[in-house]
Amino acid sequence: MWKNFKALFFGLLAVFFFALTACGGGSGSGGSGTCNWTPRTSGINGILYGVAFGNNTFVAVGLNGAVITSSNNGVNWGPGNSGTTQTLLAVVYGNSMFVAVGTGGTIITSTNNGLTWTSQTSGTSNDLLGITYGHNTFVAVGKSGTILTSSDGINWTPQTSGTTEDLYDVVYGNAVFVVVGKNGKILTSGNITNWTQHISGTTFRLSGVAFGNNTFVAVGDNGTVLRSIDNGLTWNSPSNPPLTTQNLYGVTYANSVKEFVAVGHNGTIFRSTDYGLSWTQDNSPTTDVLFSVLQDNNTFVIVGGSSPFAPATVLTCP
């Protein structure tokens, strides 16, 4: 994400002035892609930073506490009531609830598919930028090396990350949590208590990370893509990386179609069907900034936006 708030909290104005909305047309050179992305009506103005799926419902969160939900695979969206004006930067489903995190150490939970939310005590005022759920544990990460863990989404425990770098995203796979962040920072942990730093080979900000088919894929600024096939211990650039210098902000693995999809600035959408080794570009119906992508229930959902005053962006496929 040029993550306005999520990866670069104070970059919102830059996105406002430099990311322009568009209808139709592609997002640049590259492959024709295999997905026909359909713009959906989000029903709100602003920017959406995160999306999650659970209990047959997609939930997206964003600027100034925005929450929207969809129970028909992203076709139609309705508002939820977050109860906060803090910007929500990431959301995940686990333990029969949605948990969203955001600026000022905000953590909120919902047990009714995102319609209403309850504020929880995080114990930090640092912006929380990413969250995941794995091995019956929530892990949230954020500014200044913040890592928080919880077994129930309600009670949170700070962990020692060993870094003061901003941490932007976290994922769980193969019994390992992997965290990515500023200046190419990568951390791993198998027990949520002890975190080990690894050499990424880049100083670019890494904003997103995903896991699939025994492979971790991290994405970041200037079209950076890294992959690891040894549980995050070593990282390498793919043989045929995305042909872009656009910042990449989010990545997901779609198990049903066995592919990674990455999104970013200027409506950029890339996909890889060989576990991150080579990438082709999809035609995109927008030049808005795309911050997060998810595939579940056989549907891809991408969220983003261009300014606080324009309609928030939602794309789906199929």
C-alpha atoms as a PDB file:
ATOM      1  CA  MET A   1       0.000   0.000   0.000  1.00  0.00           C
ATOM      2  CA  TRP A   2       1.396   3.772  -0.477  1.00  0.00           C
ATOM      3  CA  LYS A   3      -0.402   3.171   2.582  1.00  0.00           C
ATOM      4  CA  ASN A   4      -1.478   6.652   3.330  1.00  0.00           C
ATOM      5  CA  PHE A   5      -2.258   5.537   6.833  1.00  0.00           C
ATOM      6  CA  LYS A   6      -1.272   1.895   6.709  1.00  0.00           C
ATOM      7  CA  ALA A   7       2.244   2.068   5.395  1.00  0.00           C
ATOM      8  CA  LEU A   8       2.802   5.783   5.231  1.00  0.00           C
ATOM      9  CA  PHE A   9       0.299   7.469   7.522  1.00  0.00           C
ATOM     10  CA  PHE A  10       1.272  10.965   6.523  1.00  0.00           C
ATOM     11  CA  GLY A  11       1.170  10.225   2.778  1.00  0.00           C
ATOM     12  CA  LEU A  12      -2.580  10.723   2.425  1.00  0.00           C
ATOM     13  CA  LEU A  13      -2.271  14.074   0.710  1.00  0.00           C
ATOM     14  CA  ALA A  14       0.153  12.586  -1.809  1.00  0.00           C
ATOM     15  CA  VAL A  15      -2.401   9.960  -2.749  1.00  0.00           C
ATOM     16  CA  PHE A  16      -5.127  12.600  -2.942  1.00  0.00           C
ATOM     17  CA  PHE A  17      -3.230  14.714  -5.420  1.00  0.00           C
ATOM     18  CA  PHE A  18      -1.500  12.033  -7.480  1.00  0.00           C
ATOM     19  CA  ALA A  19      -3.944   9.108  -7.695  1.00  0.00           C
ATOM     20  CA  LEU A  20      -6.659   9.866 -10.246  1.00  0.00           C
ATOM     21  CA  THR A  21      -9.851   7.905 -10.726  1.00  0.00           C
ATOM     22  CA  ALA A  22     -10.722   6.446 -14.082  1.00  0.00           C
ATOM     23  CA  CYS A  23     -13.329   4.254 -15.716  1.00  0.00           C
ATOM     24  CA  GLY A  24     -12.291   1.627 -18.222  1.00  0.00           C
ATOM     25  CA  GLY A  25      -8.897   1.106 -19.813  1.00  0.00           C
ATOM     26  CA  GLY A  26      -5.889  -0.829 -18.603  1.00  0.00           C
ATOM     27  CA  SER A  27      -3.382  -0.122 -15.877  1.00  0.00           C
ATOM     28  CA  GLY A  28      -0.341  -0.137 -18.133  1.00  0.00           C
ATOM     29  CA  SER A  29       1.747  -2.549 -20.146  1.00  0.00           C
ATOM     30  CA  GLY A  30       1.876  -6.233 -19.411  1.00  0.00           C
ATOM     31  CA  GLY A  31      -0.174  -9.364 -19.937  1.00  0.00           C
ATOM     32  CA  SER A  32      -3.869  -9.194 -20.674  1.00  0.00           C
ATOM     33  CA  GLY A  33      -4.639 -11.052 -17.453  1.00  0.00           C
ATOM     34  CA  THR A  34      -7.200 -13.730 -16.710  1.00  0.00           C
ATOM     35  CA  CYS A  35      -9.655 -11.743 -14.590  1.00  0.00           C
ATOM     36  CA  ASN A  36     -12.279  -9.293 -15.776  1.00  0.00           C
ATOM     37  CA  TRP A  37     -12.328  -6.909 -12.844  1.00  0.00           C
ATOM     38  CA  THR A  38     -15.692  -5.315 -12.139  1.00  0.00           C
ATOM     39  CA  PRO A  39     -15.993  -2.013 -10.248  1.00  0.00           C
ATOM     40  CA  ARG A  40     -18.612  -2.172  -7.492  1.00  0.00           C
ATOM     41  CA  THR A  41     -20.451   0.611  -5.696  1.00  0.00           C
ATOM     42  CA  SER A  42     -18.955   0.886  -2.214  1.00  0.00           C
ATOM     43  CA  GLY A  43     -21.607   3.310  -0.999  1.00  0.00           C
ATOM     44  CA  ILE A  44     -19.102   5.531   0.780  1.00  0.00           C
ATOM     45  CA  ASN A  45     -16.565   8.234   0.006  1.00  0.00           C
ATOM     46  CA  GLY A  46     -13.018   7.741   1.204  1.00  0.00           C
ATOM     47  CA  ILE A  47     -10.324   5.089   1.089  1.00  0.00           C
ATOM     48  CA  LEU A  48     -10.523   1.417   2.035  1.00  0.00           C
ATOM     49  CA  TYR A  49      -7.327  -0.159   3.342  1.00  0.00           C
ATOM     50  CA  GLY A  50      -8.211  -3.727   4.295  1.00  0.00           C
ATOM     51  CA  VAL A  51     -10.642  -6.531   3.492  1.00  0.00           C
ATOM     52  CA  ALA A  52     -11.410  -9.884   5.125  1.00  0.00           C
ATOM     53  CA  PHE A  53     -13.856 -12.757   4.679  1.00  0.00           C
ATOM     54  CA  GLY A  54     -15.655 -14.891   7.242  1.00  0.00           C
ATOM     55  CA  ASN A  55     -19.084 -16.403   7.909  1.00  0.00           C
ATOM     56  CA  ASN A  56     -20.067 -15.849   4.257  1.00  0.00           C
ATOM     57  CA  THR A  57     -19.383 -12.112   4.551  1.00  0.00           C
ATOM     58  CA  PHE A  58     -16.748  -9.764   3.144  1.00  0.00           C
ATOM     59  CA  VAL A  59     -15.836  -6.860   5.445  1.00  0.00           C
ATOM     60  CA  ALA A  60     -13.772  -3.875   4.273  1.00  0.00           C
ATOM     61  CA  VAL A  61     -12.398  -1.130   6.526  1.00  0.00           C
ATOM     62  CA  GLY A  62     -10.845   2.252   5.959  1.00  0.00           C
ATOM     63  CA  LEU A  63     -10.538   5.982   6.457  1.00  0.00           C
ATOM     64  CA  ASN A  64     -12.117   7.580   9.540  1.00  0.00           C
ATOM     65  CA  GLY A  65     -13.571   4.321  10.848  1.00  0.00           C
ATOM     66  CA  ALA A  66     -15.306   3.311   7.638  1.00  0.00           C
ATOM     67  CA  VAL A  67     -16.729  -0.223   7.510  1.00  0.00           C
ATOM     68  CA  ILE A  68     -18.701  -1.789   4.679  1.00  0.00           C
ATOM     69  CA  THR A  69     -19.950  -5.359   4.361  1.00  0.00           C
ATOM     70  CA  SER A  70     -21.162  -7.672   1.600  1.00  0.00           C
ATOM     71  CA  SER A  71     -22.940 -11.014   1.879  1.00  0.00           C
ATOM     72  CA  ASN A  72     -23.214 -11.635  -1.873  1.00  0.00           C
ATOM     73  CA  ASN A  73     -19.592 -11.969  -2.952  1.00  0.00           C
ATOM     74  CA  GLY A  74     -18.848  -8.265  -3.124  1.00  0.00           C
ATOM     75  CA  VAL A  75     -21.619  -7.343  -5.542  1.00  0.00           C
ATOM     76  CA  ASN A  76     -23.559  -5.153  -3.103  1.00  0.00           C
ATOM     77  CA  TRP A  77     -22.190  -3.385  -0.037  1.00  0.00           C
ATOM     78  CA  GLY A  78     -23.795  -1.853   3.024  1.00  0.00           C
ATOM     79  CA  PRO A  79     -22.401   0.180   5.919  1.00  0.00           C
ATOM     80  CA  GLY A  80     -21.351  -1.116   9.308  1.00  0.00           C
ATOM     81  CA  ASN A  81     -21.003   0.943  12.473  1.00  0.00           C
ATOM     82  CA  SER A  82     -17.416   0.799  13.731  1.00  0.00           C
ATOM     83  CA  GLY A  83     -18.002   3.173  16.624  1.00  0.00           C
ATOM     84  CA  THR A  84     -14.714   4.950  15.940  1.00  0.00           C
ATOM     85  CA  THR A  85     -13.388   7.779  13.795  1.00  0.00           C
ATOM     86  CA  GLN A  86      -9.873   6.347  13.861  1.00  0.00           C
ATOM     87  CA  THR A  87      -8.691   5.118  10.484  1.00  0.00           C
ATOM     88  CA  LEU A  88      -8.903   1.331  10.217  1.00  0.00           C
ATOM     89  CA  LEU A  89      -5.968  -0.127   8.330  1.00  0.00           C
ATOM     90  CA  ALA A  90      -6.429  -3.896   8.379  1.00  0.00           C
ATOM     91  CA  VAL A  91      -9.011  -6.528   9.256  1.00  0.00           C
ATOM     92  CA  VAL A  92      -9.042 -10.291   9.679  1.00  0.00           C
ATOM     93  CA  TYR A  93     -11.539 -13.035  10.554  1.00  0.00           C
ATOM     94  CA  GLY A  94     -10.780 -15.636  13.210  1.00  0.00           C
ATOM     95  CA  ASN A  95     -12.241 -17.215  16.320  1.00  0.00           C
ATOM     96  CA  SER A  96     -15.770 -16.489  14.994  1.00  0.00           C
ATOM     97  CA  MET A  97     -15.185 -12.731  14.861  1.00  0.00           C
ATOM     98  CA  PHE A  98     -13.802  -9.945  12.739  1.00  0.00           C
ATOM     99  CA  VAL A  99     -10.940  -7.953  14.270  1.00  0.00           C
ATOM    100  CA  ALA A 100      -9.869  -4.608  12.807  1.00  0.00           C
ATOM    101  CA  VAL A 101      -6.861  -2.477  13.750  1.00  0.00           C
ATOM    102  CA  GLY A 102      -5.896   1.090  13.023  1.00  0.00           C
ATOM    103  CA  THR A 103      -4.424   4.412  14.018  1.00  0.00           C
ATOM    104  CA  GLY A 104      -3.784   5.291  17.641  1.00  0.00           C
ATOM    105  CA  GLY A 105      -3.583   1.640  18.671  1.00  0.00           C
ATOM    106  CA  THR A 106      -7.211   1.036  17.744  1.00  0.00           C
ATOM    107  CA  ILE A 107      -8.542  -2.525  17.988  1.00  0.00           C
ATOM    108  CA  ILE A 108     -12.230  -3.283  17.445  1.00  0.00           C
ATOM    109  CA  THR A 109     -14.083  -6.577  17.190  1.00  0.00           C
ATOM    110  CA  SER A 110     -17.362  -7.690  15.645  1.00  0.00           C
ATOM    111  CA  THR A 111     -19.312 -10.900  16.159  1.00  0.00           C
ATOM    112  CA  ASN A 112     -22.214  -9.976  13.862  1.00  0.00           C
ATOM    113  CA  ASN A 113     -20.502  -9.843  10.473  1.00  0.00           C
ATOM    114  CA  GLY A 114     -19.228  -6.299  10.773  1.00  0.00           C
ATOM    115  CA  LEU A 115     -22.529  -4.577  11.498  1.00  0.00           C
ATOM    116  CA  THR A 116     -21.514  -3.339  14.966  1.00  0.00           C
ATOM    117  CA  TRP A 117     -18.155  -3.286  16.726  1.00  0.00           C
ATOM    118  CA  THR A 118     -16.734  -3.283  20.239  1.00  0.00           C
ATOM    119  CA  SER A 119     -13.587  -1.348  21.165  1.00  0.00           C
ATOM    120  CA  GLN A 120     -10.807  -3.345  22.838  1.00  0.00           C
ATOM    121  CA  THR A 121      -7.783  -2.161  24.823  1.00  0.00           C
ATOM    122  CA  SER A 122      -4.566  -2.591  22.870  1.00  0.00           C
ATOM    123  CA  GLY A 123      -2.201  -1.112  25.435  1.00  0.00           C
ATOM    124  CA  THR A 124      -0.458   1.016  22.796  1.00  0.00           C
ATOM    125  CA  SER A 125      -0.995   4.335  21.066  1.00  0.00           C
ATOM    126  CA  ASN A 126       1.125   3.284  18.086  1.00  0.00           C
ATOM    127  CA  ASP A 127      -0.673   2.910  14.773  1.00  0.00           C
ATOM    128  CA  LEU A 128      -1.457  -0.744  14.084  1.00  0.00           C
ATOM    129  CA  LEU A 129      -0.933  -1.478  10.395  1.00  0.00           C
ATOM    130  CA  GLY A 130      -1.523  -5.191   9.884  1.00  0.00           C
ATOM    131  CA  ILE A 131      -3.193  -8.217  11.459  1.00  0.00           C
ATOM    132  CA  THR A 132      -3.511 -11.943  10.837  1.00  0.00           C
ATOM    133  CA  TYR A 133      -4.964 -15.020  12.533  1.00  0.00           C
ATOM    134  CA  GLY A 134      -3.201 -18.363  12.716  1.00  0.00           C
ATOM    135  CA  HIS A 135      -2.631 -21.230  15.142  1.00  0.00           C
ATOM    136  CA  ASN A 136      -5.552 -19.945  17.255  1.00  0.00           C
ATOM    137  CA  THR A 137      -3.758 -16.621  17.709  1.00  0.00           C
ATOM    138  CA  PHE A 138      -4.260 -13.069  16.468  1.00  0.00           C
ATOM    139  CA  VAL A 139      -1.054 -11.162  15.700  1.00  0.00           C
ATOM    140  CA  ALA A 140      -1.168  -7.399  15.061  1.00  0.00           C
ATOM    141  CA  VAL A 141       1.831  -5.320  13.949  1.00  0.00           C
ATOM    142  CA  GLY A 142       2.489  -1.618  13.652  1.00  0.00           C
ATOM    143  CA  LYS A 143       4.620   1.455  14.084  1.00  0.00           C
ATOM    144  CA  SER A 144       7.970   1.417  15.908  1.00  0.00           C
ATOM    145  CA  GLY A 145       8.272  -2.380  15.873  1.00  0.00           C
ATOM    146  CA  THR A 146       4.970  -2.996  17.639  1.00  0.00           C
ATOM    147  CA  ILE A 147       3.775  -6.606  17.831  1.00  0.00           C
ATOM    148  CA  LEU A 148       0.678  -7.572  19.843  1.00  0.00           C
ATOM    149  CA  THR A 149      -0.788 -11.045  20.259  1.00  0.00           C
ATOM    150  CA  SER A 150      -4.134 -12.362  21.477  1.00  0.00           C
ATOM    151  CA  SER A 151      -5.880 -15.703  21.721  1.00  0.00           C
ATOM    152  CA  ASP A 152      -9.364 -14.190  21.843  1.00  0.00           C
ATOM    153  CA  GLY A 153      -9.142 -10.806  20.086  1.00  0.00           C
ATOM    154  CA  ILE A 154     -10.043  -9.073  23.347  1.00  0.00           C
ATOM    155  CA  ASN A 155      -7.009  -9.352  25.610  1.00  0.00           C
ATOM    156  CA  TRP A 156      -3.723  -8.315  23.986  1.00  0.00           C
ATOM    157  CA  THR A 157      -0.108  -8.915  24.995  1.00  0.00           C
ATOM    158  CA  PRO A 158       2.875  -6.914  23.697  1.00  0.00           C
ATOM    159  CA  GLN A 159       5.799  -8.899  22.313  1.00  0.00           C
ATOM    160  CA  THR A 160       9.428  -7.856  21.875  1.00  0.00           C
ATOM    161  CA  SER A 161      10.103  -7.579  18.157  1.00  0.00           C
ATOM    162  CA  GLY A 162      13.766  -6.600  18.408  1.00  0.00           C
ATOM    163  CA  THR A 163      13.294  -3.678  16.020  1.00  0.00           C
ATOM    164  CA  THR A 164      12.004  -0.117  16.042  1.00  0.00           C
ATOM    165  CA  GLU A 165      11.202  -0.169  12.323  1.00  0.00           C
ATOM    166  CA  ASP A 166       7.557   0.206  11.308  1.00  0.00           C
ATOM    167  CA  LEU A 167       5.961  -3.178  10.628  1.00  0.00           C
ATOM    168  CA  TYR A 168       3.270  -3.190   7.940  1.00  0.00           C
ATOM    169  CA  ASP A 169       1.913  -6.697   7.468  1.00  0.00           C
ATOM    170  CA  VAL A 170       1.927 -10.196   8.934  1.00  0.00           C
ATOM    171  CA  VAL A 171       0.859 -13.627   7.701  1.00  0.00           C
ATOM    172  CA  TYR A 172       0.806 -17.194   9.086  1.00  0.00           C
ATOM    173  CA  GLY A 173       1.876 -20.316   7.195  1.00  0.00           C
ATOM    174  CA  ASN A 174       3.701 -23.586   7.808  1.00  0.00           C
ATOM    175  CA  ALA A 175       3.542 -22.979  11.587  1.00  0.00           C
ATOM    176  CA  VAL A 176       5.441 -19.681  11.188  1.00  0.00           C
ATOM    177  CA  PHE A 177       4.388 -16.038  11.459  1.00  0.00           C
ATOM    178  CA  VAL A 178       6.171 -13.745   8.980  1.00  0.00           C
ATOM    179  CA  VAL A 179       6.215  -9.956   9.425  1.00  0.00           C
ATOM    180  CA  VAL A 180       7.394  -7.396   6.859  1.00  0.00           C
ATOM    181  CA  GLY A 181       8.147  -3.711   7.235  1.00  0.00           C
ATOM    182  CA  LYS A 182      10.150  -0.591   6.593  1.00  0.00           C
ATOM    183  CA  ASN A 183      13.618  -0.737   5.013  1.00  0.00           C
ATOM    184  CA  GLY A 184      13.075  -4.327   3.915  1.00  0.00           C
ATOM    185  CA  LYS A 185      12.601  -5.595   7.464  1.00  0.00           C
ATOM    186  CA  ILE A 186      11.496  -9.240   7.753  1.00  0.00           C
ATOM    187  CA  LEU A 187      10.837 -11.071  11.044  1.00  0.00           C
ATOM    188  CA  THR A 188       9.711 -14.625  11.731  1.00  0.00           C
ATOM    189  CA  SER A 189       8.453 -16.489  14.779  1.00  0.00           C
ATOM    190  CA  GLY A 190       7.182 -19.974  15.471  1.00  0.00           C
ATOM    191  CA  ASN A 191       5.974 -19.220  18.979  1.00  0.00           C
ATOM    192  CA  ILE A 192       4.854 -15.511  18.871  1.00  0.00           C
ATOM    193  CA  THR A 193       7.287 -14.726  21.705  1.00  0.00           C
ATOM    194  CA  ASN A 194      10.709 -14.955  20.067  1.00  0.00           C
ATOM    195  CA  TRP A 195      11.182 -13.050  16.804  1.00  0.00           C
ATOM    196  CA  THR A 196      14.140 -13.468  14.445  1.00  0.00           C
ATOM    197  CA  GLN A 197      15.265 -10.933  11.855  1.00  0.00           C
ATOM    198  CA  HIS A 198      16.259 -12.109   8.382  1.00  0.00           C
ATOM    199  CA  ILE A 199      18.101 -10.538   5.462  1.00  0.00           C
ATOM    200  CA  SER A 200      15.663  -9.491   2.752  1.00  0.00           C
ATOM    201  CA  GLY A 201      18.209  -8.122   0.302  1.00  0.00           C
ATOM    202  CA  THR A 202      16.287  -4.874  -0.147  1.00  0.00           C
ATOM    203  CA  THR A 203      15.934  -1.542   1.629  1.00  0.00           C
ATOM    204  CA  PHE A 204      12.586  -0.829  -0.012  1.00  0.00           C
ATOM    205  CA  ARG A 205       9.566  -0.785   2.239  1.00  0.00           C
ATOM    206  CA  LEU A 206       7.728  -4.125   2.243  1.00  0.00           C
ATOM    207  CA  SER A 207       4.013  -3.512   2.645  1.00  0.00           C
ATOM    208  CA  GLY A 208       2.357  -6.891   2.090  1.00  0.00           C
ATOM    209  CA  VAL A 209       3.027 -10.583   2.608  1.00  0.00           C
ATOM    210  CA  ALA A 210       1.097 -13.752   1.769  1.00  0.00           C
ATOM    211  CA  PHE A 211       1.531 -17.527   2.012  1.00  0.00           C
ATOM    212  CA  GLY A 212       0.554 -20.363  -0.297  1.00  0.00           C
ATOM    213  CA  ASN A 213       1.882 -23.735  -1.466  1.00  0.00           C
ATOM    214  CA  ASN A 214       4.808 -23.651   0.986  1.00  0.00           C
ATOM    215  CA  THR A 215       5.842 -20.236  -0.377  1.00  0.00           C
ATOM    216  CA  PHE A 216       5.888 -16.814   1.252  1.00  0.00           C
ATOM    217  CA  VAL A 217       5.661 -13.811  -1.091  1.00  0.00           C
ATOM    218  CA  ALA A 218       6.348 -10.237   0.064  1.00  0.00           C
ATOM    219  CA  VAL A 219       5.675  -7.097  -1.993  1.00  0.00           C
ATOM    220  CA  GLY A 220       6.713  -3.483  -1.618  1.00  0.00           C
ATOM    221  CA  ASP A 221       7.851  -0.205  -3.101  1.00  0.00           C
ATOM    222  CA  ASN A 222       9.188   0.172  -6.642  1.00  0.00           C
ATOM    223  CA  GLY A 223       7.587  -3.107  -7.732  1.00  0.00           C
ATOM    224  CA  THR A 224       9.593  -5.139  -5.221  1.00  0.00           C
ATOM    225  CA  VAL A 225       8.675  -8.822  -4.959  1.00  0.00           C
ATOM    226  CA  LEU A 226      10.500 -11.330  -2.768  1.00  0.00           C
ATOM    227  CA  ARG A 227       9.797 -15.009  -2.187  1.00  0.00           C
ATOM    228  CA  SER A 228      10.866 -17.583   0.367  1.00  0.00           C
ATOM    229  CA  ILE A 229      10.473 -21.363   0.210  1.00  0.00           C
ATOM    230  CA  ASP A 230      12.174 -22.117   3.539  1.00  0.00           C
ATOM    231  CA  ASN A 231       9.714 -20.616   6.020  1.00  0.00           C
ATOM    232  CA  GLY A 232      11.037 -17.082   5.696  1.00  0.00           C
ATOM    233  CA  LEU A 233      14.691 -17.835   6.455  1.00  0.00           C
ATOM    234  CA  THR A 234      16.044 -16.734   3.065  1.00  0.00           C
ATOM    235  CA  TRP A 235      14.486 -14.446   0.456  1.00  0.00           C
ATOM    236  CA  ASN A 236      15.112 -13.984  -3.262  1.00  0.00           C
ATOM    237  CA  SER A 237      13.742 -11.942  -6.116  1.00  0.00           C
ATOM    238  CA  PRO A 238      11.701 -13.959  -8.627  1.00  0.00           C
ATOM    239  CA  SER A 239      13.142 -14.896 -11.995  1.00  0.00           C
ATOM    240  CA  ASN A 240      10.532 -12.809 -13.824  1.00  0.00           C
ATOM    241  CA  PRO A 241       9.336 -10.084 -11.441  1.00  0.00           C
ATOM    242  CA  PRO A 242       6.456  -7.690 -12.152  1.00  0.00           C
ATOM    243  CA  LEU A 243       7.483  -5.255 -14.880  1.00  0.00           C
ATOM    244  CA  THR A 244       6.606  -2.156 -12.895  1.00  0.00           C
ATOM    245  CA  THR A 245       8.089   0.554 -10.737  1.00  0.00           C
ATOM    246  CA  GLN A 246       4.733   1.185  -9.100  1.00  0.00           C
ATOM    247  CA  ASN A 247       4.577   0.589  -5.368  1.00  0.00           C
ATOM    248  CA  LEU A 248       2.858  -2.685  -4.478  1.00  0.00           C
ATOM    249  CA  TYR A 249       0.803  -2.581  -1.282  1.00  0.00           C
ATOM    250  CA  GLY A 250      -1.067  -5.855  -0.926  1.00  0.00           C
ATOM    251  CA  VAL A 251      -0.775  -9.501  -1.933  1.00  0.00           C
ATOM    252  CA  THR A 252      -2.867 -12.621  -1.414  1.00  0.00           C
ATOM    253  CA  TYR A 253      -2.783 -16.293  -2.311  1.00  0.00           C
ATOM    254  CA  ALA A 254      -5.883 -17.761  -3.929  1.00  0.00           C
ATOM    255  CA  ASN A 255      -5.905 -21.438  -3.076  1.00  0.00           C
ATOM    256  CA  SER A 256      -8.829 -22.271  -5.367  1.00  0.00           C
ATOM    257  CA  VAL A 257      -6.932 -21.153  -8.475  1.00  0.00           C
ATOM    258  CA  LYS A 258      -3.386 -21.626  -7.137  1.00  0.00           C
ATOM    259  CA  GLU A 259      -2.097 -18.121  -7.772  1.00  0.00           C
ATOM    260  CA  PHE A 260      -0.733 -15.048  -6.026  1.00  0.00           C
ATOM    261  CA  VAL A 261      -2.272 -11.656  -6.823  1.00  0.00           C
ATOM    262  CA  ALA A 262      -0.557  -8.362  -5.933  1.00  0.00           C
ATOM    263  CA  VAL A 263      -2.029  -4.846  -6.092  1.00  0.00           C
ATOM    264  CA  GLY A 264      -0.700  -1.325  -5.790  1.00  0.00           C
ATOM    265  CA  HIS A 265      -0.451   2.247  -6.983  1.00  0.00           C
ATOM    266  CA  ASN A 266      -2.141   3.482 -10.164  1.00  0.00           C
ATOM    267  CA  GLY A 267      -4.598   0.574 -10.234  1.00  0.00           C
ATOM    268  CA  THR A 268      -1.799  -1.963 -10.617  1.00  0.00           C
ATOM    269  CA  ILE A 269      -2.799  -5.639 -10.523  1.00  0.00           C
ATOM    270  CA  PHE A 270      -0.322  -8.492 -11.089  1.00  0.00           C
ATOM    271  CA  ARG A 271      -0.774 -12.244 -10.807  1.00  0.00           C
ATOM    272  CA  SER A 272       1.522 -15.249 -10.610  1.00  0.00           C
ATOM    273  CA  THR A 273       0.489 -18.815 -11.369  1.00  0.00           C
ATOM    274  CA  ASP A 274       3.886 -20.337 -10.566  1.00  0.00           C
ATOM    275  CA  TYR A 275       4.106 -19.356  -6.904  1.00  0.00           C
ATOM    276  CA  GLY A 276       5.732 -15.993  -7.366  1.00  0.00           C
ATOM    277  CA  LEU A 277       8.399 -16.884  -9.915  1.00  0.00           C
ATOM    278  CA  SER A 278       6.887 -14.944 -12.824  1.00  0.00           C
ATOM    279  CA  TRP A 279       4.163 -12.302 -12.997  1.00  0.00           C
ATOM    280  CA  THR A 280       1.743 -10.944 -15.584  1.00  0.00           C
ATOM    281  CA  GLN A 281      -0.312  -7.773 -15.396  1.00  0.00           C
ATOM    282  CA  ASP A 282      -4.088  -7.695 -15.436  1.00  0.00           C
ATOM    283  CA  ASN A 283      -6.065  -4.991 -17.162  1.00  0.00           C
ATOM    284  CA  SER A 284      -7.414  -2.728 -14.436  1.00  0.00           C
ATOM    285  CA  PRO A 285     -10.566  -0.600 -14.682  1.00  0.00           C
ATOM    286  CA  THR A 286      -9.117   2.086 -12.410  1.00  0.00           C
ATOM    287  CA  THR A 287      -6.054   4.177 -11.694  1.00  0.00           C
ATOM    288  CA  ASP A 288      -7.007   4.507  -8.019  1.00  0.00           C
ATOM    289  CA  VAL A 289      -4.560   3.245  -5.426  1.00  0.00           C
ATOM    290  CA  LEU A 290      -5.295  -0.408  -4.586  1.00  0.00           C
ATOM    291  CA  PHE A 291      -4.347  -1.299  -1.037  1.00  0.00           C
ATOM    292  CA  SER A 292      -5.611  -4.784  -0.283  1.00  0.00           C
ATOM    293  CA  VAL A 293      -6.684  -7.917  -2.138  1.00  0.00           C
ATOM    294  CA  LEU A 294      -8.352 -11.105  -0.914  1.00  0.00           C
ATOM    295  CA  GLN A 295      -9.760 -14.221  -2.498  1.00  0.00           C
ATOM    296  CA  ASP A 296     -12.344 -16.323  -0.701  1.00  0.00           C
ATOM    297  CA  ASN A 297     -15.598 -18.060  -1.552  1.00  0.00           C
ATOM    298  CA  ASN A 298     -14.232 -18.242  -5.136  1.00  0.00           C
ATOM    299  CA  THR A 299     -14.312 -14.445  -5.398  1.00  0.00           C
ATOM    300  CA  PHE A 300     -11.511 -11.889  -5.512  1.00  0.00           C
ATOM    301  CA  VAL A 301     -12.131  -8.550  -3.794  1.00  0.00           C
ATOM    302  CA  ILE A 302      -9.769  -5.573  -4.112  1.00  0.00           C
ATOM    303  CA  VAL A 303     -10.215  -2.340  -2.131  1.00  0.00           C
ATOM    304  CA  GLY A 304      -8.628   1.099  -2.292  1.00  0.00           C
ATOM    305  CA  GLY A 305      -9.383   4.682  -3.215  1.00  0.00           C
ATOM    306  CA  SER A 306      -8.079   7.985  -4.474  1.00  0.00           C
ATOM    307  CA  SER A 307      -9.115  10.654  -1.952  1.00  0.00           C
ATOM    308  CA  PRO A 308     -11.299  11.233   1.116  1.00  0.00           C
ATOM    309  CA  PHE A 309     -13.866  12.895  -1.128  1.00  0.00           C
ATOM    310  CA  ALA A 310     -14.253  10.376  -3.959  1.00  0.00           C
ATOM    311  CA  PRO A 311     -16.105   7.052  -3.818  1.00  0.00           C
ATOM    312  CA  ALA A 312     -14.065   4.296  -2.202  1.00  0.00           C
ATOM    313  CA  THR A 313     -12.845   1.683  -4.676  1.00  0.00           C
ATOM    314  CA  VAL A 314     -14.067  -1.931  -4.727  1.00  0.00           C
ATOM    315  CA  LEU A 315     -13.264  -4.373  -7.531  1.00  0.00           C
ATOM    316  CA  THR A 316     -14.392  -7.982  -7.782  1.00  0.00           C
ATOM    317  CA  CYS A 317     -13.672 -10.976  -9.999  1.00  0.00           C
ATOM    318  CA  PRO A 318     -15.550 -12.834 -11.229  1.00  0.00           C
END
